[in-house]
Amino acid sequence: MFYKIKNVNLLSEYTLLIEFQNNVKKIYDVKPLIEKYSSFKDLINIKGLFKQVKIDKGGYGISWNDNIDLSCNTLWNEGRLI
């Protein structure tokens, strides 16, 4: 099952507030991915890139560029419910 994304907002440095189409809101911390995966390091190395997060067509994920993205299922399963 897909939990499509309705909205994404920046909360603080490398933390996102994700609102799903079922109105559930979760907080997702991107920092562990930045530490683990080299492609995510661009979110630190390229000034302003983190703020450019956008929802992918259909709400199936979020992305910053062609190399950095997260699926709606990852955000749903690993996000912290608020």
N, C-alpha and C. Protein backbone atom coordinates (compact mmCIF):
# COMPACT_ATOMS: atom_id res chain seq x y z
N MET A 1 0.84 -1.18 0.00
CA MET A 1 0.00 0.00 0.00
C MET A 1 0.88 1.24 0.00
N PHE A 2 0.46 2.24 -0.76
CA PHE A 2 1.20 3.49 -0.81
C PHE A 2 0.50 4.53 0.05
N TYR A 3 1.28 5.24 0.84
CA TYR A 3 0.79 6.37 1.62
C TYR A 3 1.30 7.63 0.93
N LYS A 4 0.51 8.13 0.03
CA LYS A 4 0.94 9.25 -0.80
C LYS A 4 1.13 10.52 0.02
N ILE A 5 2.07 11.34 -0.44
CA ILE A 5 2.43 12.57 0.25
C ILE A 5 1.60 13.74 -0.28
N LYS A 6 1.09 14.52 0.66
CA LYS A 6 0.32 15.71 0.32
C LYS A 6 1.15 16.98 0.45
N ASN A 7 2.04 17.00 1.45
CA ASN A 7 2.80 18.22 1.71
C ASN A 7 4.12 17.87 2.40
N VAL A 8 5.14 18.69 2.15
CA VAL A 8 6.42 18.54 2.84
C VAL A 8 6.90 19.93 3.23
N ASN A 9 7.35 20.05 4.49
CA ASN A 9 7.87 21.32 5.01
C ASN A 9 9.18 21.07 5.73
N LEU A 10 10.05 22.07 5.69
CA LEU A 10 11.30 22.01 6.44
C LEU A 10 11.00 22.41 7.88
N LEU A 11 11.46 21.60 8.84
CA LEU A 11 11.28 21.94 10.25
C LEU A 11 12.52 22.60 10.81
N SER A 12 13.63 21.94 10.64
CA SER A 12 14.91 22.46 11.11
C SER A 12 15.97 21.88 10.19
N GLU A 13 17.19 22.06 10.57
CA GLU A 13 18.28 21.58 9.73
C GLU A 13 18.17 20.07 9.49
N TYR A 14 17.86 19.69 8.26
CA TYR A 14 17.81 18.30 7.80
C TYR A 14 16.68 17.48 8.43
N THR A 15 15.62 18.17 8.86
CA THR A 15 14.43 17.50 9.38
C THR A 15 13.22 17.99 8.61
N LEU A 16 12.35 17.05 8.23
CA LEU A 16 11.18 17.36 7.42
C LEU A 16 9.89 17.01 8.14
N LEU A 17 8.86 17.78 7.89
CA LEU A 17 7.51 17.44 8.31
C LEU A 17 6.78 16.97 7.06
N ILE A 18 6.35 15.72 7.09
CA ILE A 18 5.67 15.12 5.95
C ILE A 18 4.19 14.96 6.30
N GLU A 19 3.32 15.48 5.45
CA GLU A 19 1.88 15.26 5.61
C GLU A 19 1.42 14.36 4.48
N PHE A 20 0.77 13.27 4.86
CA PHE A 20 0.29 12.30 3.89
C PHE A 20 -1.16 12.61 3.51
N GLN A 21 -1.62 12.02 2.43
CA GLN A 21 -2.96 12.32 1.94
C GLN A 21 -4.06 11.86 2.89
N ASN A 22 -3.74 10.95 3.82
CA ASN A 22 -4.71 10.54 4.83
C ASN A 22 -4.66 11.45 6.06
N ASN A 23 -3.96 12.60 5.93
CA ASN A 23 -3.80 13.64 6.96
C ASN A 23 -2.90 13.25 8.13
N VAL A 24 -2.24 12.12 8.07
CA VAL A 24 -1.26 11.74 9.08
C VAL A 24 0.00 12.58 8.83
N LYS A 25 0.60 13.06 9.93
CA LYS A 25 1.84 13.85 9.84
C LYS A 25 2.96 13.11 10.54
N LYS A 26 4.12 13.11 9.90
CA LYS A 26 5.30 12.45 10.47
C LYS A 26 6.51 13.35 10.28
N ILE A 27 7.44 13.19 11.21
CA ILE A 27 8.72 13.90 11.13
C ILE A 27 9.77 12.90 10.63
N TYR A 28 10.57 13.36 9.68
CA TYR A 28 11.62 12.50 9.13
C TYR A 28 12.95 13.24 9.22
N ASP A 29 13.91 12.59 9.86
CA ASP A 29 15.25 13.14 10.02
C ASP A 29 16.15 12.58 8.92
N VAL A 30 16.67 13.45 8.08
CA VAL A 30 17.50 13.03 6.94
C VAL A 30 18.96 12.85 7.34
N LYS A 31 19.37 13.35 8.51
CA LYS A 31 20.78 13.30 8.92
C LYS A 31 21.41 11.91 8.85
N PRO A 32 20.73 10.85 9.32
CA PRO A 32 21.36 9.52 9.21
C PRO A 32 21.67 9.11 7.77
N LEU A 33 20.85 9.53 6.83
CA LEU A 33 21.12 9.21 5.42
C LEU A 33 22.31 10.00 4.90
N ILE A 34 22.45 11.24 5.36
CA ILE A 34 23.58 12.07 4.96
C ILE A 34 24.88 11.44 5.44
N GLU A 35 24.86 10.88 6.65
CA GLU A 35 26.04 10.24 7.21
C GLU A 35 26.36 8.91 6.53
N LYS A 36 25.33 8.23 6.03
CA LYS A 36 25.50 6.87 5.51
C LYS A 36 25.75 6.80 4.00
N TYR A 37 25.11 7.67 3.23
CA TYR A 37 25.16 7.57 1.76
C TYR A 37 25.81 8.80 1.15
N SER A 38 26.76 8.58 0.26
CA SER A 38 27.50 9.70 -0.33
C SER A 38 26.60 10.63 -1.14
N SER A 39 25.60 10.09 -1.82
CA SER A 39 24.72 10.96 -2.63
C SER A 39 23.98 11.97 -1.75
N PHE A 40 23.62 11.58 -0.54
CA PHE A 40 22.89 12.49 0.35
C PHE A 40 23.80 13.58 0.93
N LYS A 41 25.12 13.40 0.86
CA LYS A 41 26.06 14.41 1.36
C LYS A 41 25.93 15.73 0.58
N ASP A 42 25.42 15.65 -0.65
CA ASP A 42 25.20 16.87 -1.43
C ASP A 42 24.22 17.81 -0.74
N LEU A 43 23.34 17.28 0.11
CA LEU A 43 22.40 18.13 0.84
C LEU A 43 23.12 19.08 1.78
N ILE A 44 24.33 18.71 2.18
CA ILE A 44 25.18 19.58 3.00
C ILE A 44 26.12 20.38 2.11
N ASN A 45 26.73 19.70 1.13
CA ASN A 45 27.79 20.30 0.32
C ASN A 45 27.30 21.34 -0.68
N ILE A 46 26.06 21.22 -1.15
CA ILE A 46 25.53 22.18 -2.12
C ILE A 46 24.58 23.12 -1.38
N LYS A 47 25.03 24.35 -1.21
CA LYS A 47 24.28 25.33 -0.43
C LYS A 47 22.86 25.52 -0.99
N GLY A 48 21.88 25.41 -0.11
CA GLY A 48 20.49 25.64 -0.48
C GLY A 48 19.76 24.45 -1.07
N LEU A 49 20.47 23.36 -1.34
CA LEU A 49 19.83 22.20 -1.97
C LEU A 49 18.75 21.59 -1.08
N PHE A 50 19.01 21.48 0.21
CA PHE A 50 18.03 20.85 1.10
C PHE A 50 16.68 21.58 1.05
N LYS A 51 16.72 22.88 0.91
CA LYS A 51 15.49 23.69 0.87
C LYS A 51 14.70 23.49 -0.42
N GLN A 52 15.30 22.84 -1.40
CA GLN A 52 14.65 22.65 -2.70
C GLN A 52 13.84 21.35 -2.77
N VAL A 53 13.59 20.72 -1.64
CA VAL A 53 12.82 19.47 -1.63
C VAL A 53 11.45 19.69 -2.27
N LYS A 54 11.03 18.70 -3.04
CA LYS A 54 9.71 18.79 -3.69
C LYS A 54 9.05 17.42 -3.69
N ILE A 55 7.74 17.44 -3.80
CA ILE A 55 6.97 16.21 -3.87
C ILE A 55 6.99 15.71 -5.31
N ASP A 56 7.27 14.43 -5.47
CA ASP A 56 7.26 13.84 -6.80
C ASP A 56 5.83 13.73 -7.33
N LYS A 57 5.71 13.67 -8.63
CA LYS A 57 4.41 13.58 -9.28
C LYS A 57 3.62 12.40 -8.70
N GLY A 58 2.39 12.66 -8.35
CA GLY A 58 1.52 11.62 -7.80
C GLY A 58 1.66 11.42 -6.30
N GLY A 59 2.64 12.08 -5.68
CA GLY A 59 2.82 11.97 -4.23
C GLY A 59 3.52 10.70 -3.78
N TYR A 60 4.23 10.04 -4.70
CA TYR A 60 4.87 8.77 -4.38
C TYR A 60 6.25 8.91 -3.72
N GLY A 61 6.69 10.12 -3.49
CA GLY A 61 7.98 10.34 -2.86
C GLY A 61 8.33 11.81 -2.87
N ILE A 62 9.53 12.09 -2.38
CA ILE A 62 10.07 13.45 -2.42
C ILE A 62 11.45 13.38 -3.06
N SER A 63 11.90 14.50 -3.60
CA SER A 63 13.22 14.51 -4.21
C SER A 63 13.83 15.90 -4.13
N TRP A 64 15.14 15.90 -4.26
CA TRP A 64 15.90 17.15 -4.32
C TRP A 64 16.49 17.33 -5.71
N ASN A 65 16.91 16.24 -6.32
CA ASN A 65 17.43 16.24 -7.69
C ASN A 65 17.31 14.82 -8.24
N ASP A 66 17.92 14.54 -9.36
CA ASP A 66 17.81 13.21 -9.97
C ASP A 66 18.49 12.12 -9.16
N ASN A 67 19.40 12.49 -8.26
CA ASN A 67 20.17 11.50 -7.50
C ASN A 67 19.72 11.33 -6.06
N ILE A 68 18.93 12.26 -5.56
CA ILE A 68 18.55 12.22 -4.14
C ILE A 68 17.03 12.22 -4.04
N ASP A 69 16.50 11.11 -3.56
CA ASP A 69 15.05 11.02 -3.39
C ASP A 69 14.70 10.00 -2.31
N LEU A 70 13.47 10.07 -1.84
CA LEU A 70 12.95 9.13 -0.84
C LEU A 70 11.54 8.74 -1.24
N SER A 71 11.21 7.48 -1.09
CA SER A 71 9.87 7.02 -1.45
C SER A 71 8.88 7.33 -0.33
N CYS A 72 7.61 7.39 -0.70
CA CYS A 72 6.57 7.63 0.30
C CYS A 72 6.55 6.50 1.33
N ASN A 73 6.85 5.28 0.92
CA ASN A 73 6.86 4.16 1.87
C ASN A 73 7.99 4.29 2.89
N THR A 74 9.15 4.73 2.45
CA THR A 74 10.26 4.95 3.38
C THR A 74 9.88 6.02 4.40
N LEU A 75 9.31 7.11 3.92
CA LEU A 75 8.92 8.20 4.82
C LEU A 75 7.84 7.75 5.79
N TRP A 76 6.90 6.95 5.31
CA TRP A 76 5.82 6.45 6.17
C TRP A 76 6.37 5.48 7.23
N ASN A 77 7.18 4.53 6.79
CA ASN A 77 7.67 3.49 7.69
C ASN A 77 8.72 3.98 8.68
N GLU A 78 9.54 4.94 8.27
CA GLU A 78 10.64 5.38 9.12
C GLU A 78 10.40 6.73 9.78
N GLY A 79 9.35 7.42 9.38
CA GLY A 79 9.03 8.71 9.99
C GLY A 79 8.45 8.53 11.38
N ARG A 80 8.57 9.58 12.19
CA ARG A 80 8.06 9.57 13.56
C ARG A 80 6.72 10.27 13.59
N LEU A 81 5.70 9.56 14.03
CA LEU A 81 4.34 10.09 14.09
C LEU A 81 4.25 11.25 15.08
N ILE A 82 3.54 12.31 14.67
CA ILE A 82 3.34 13.42 15.61
C ILE A 82 1.85 13.60 15.89
